Amino acid sequence: MIRRPTASFVVFRGGRPAIRSARRRRLRLWRKGAEPLWAQALAVPIMDGGRVCMAIAVAGRGEEYGDLDVQELERIGNDLWVIFSRRRTELDLARAKEQAESANRAKSEFLANMSHEIRTPLNAIVGLSHLLGEELREPRWRDRTQKIALAAEHLLGVVNDILDLSK
């Protein structure tokens, strides 16, 4: 004689574990083209820090699951949770490493561009002020072009130091 299950076997509700302790139930398993098969089922919550982090279930046994079965399933579930947590941490670390490497590449590209964009005009100022100073005859204008060249050289030294430190 086929009987209906005495209670529902809800393990998850709304995508979250719906159990806080081991559940044993009798389930009707439907097979295509065959009579329904009654089997025992066991679901065990896996706890982490006082909250249910996942649930693990087995079904298909003809006889009831005992306390040793519950303990073994809890051990298996806890081992799975440790593996899952470790793997998730490894993936998070790999993602963080990739983001850090990407940021470092962006910084290096920026510094290379800034180095070129700043140093090139400063070198032009230094070179042209020296050429201009050689062509000028009046000491007052020659002195002013030397001041321009010295200021540009000083600024170029500061820029070089900043760019070197930021590498």
Foldseek 3Di string as FASTA:
>chain_A
DDDAKPDDDQQDDPNHGPDDAKDKTWHWDDDPPDHTDIKIKIKGFADDPRDGPDIDMDMDHHDTDDPVNRVVRNVVVNVVVVVVVVVVVVVVVVVVVVVVVVVVVVLVVVLVVVLCVLLVVLVVLLVVLVVVLVPDDDPVSNVVSVVSNVVSVVVNVVSVVVSVVSD
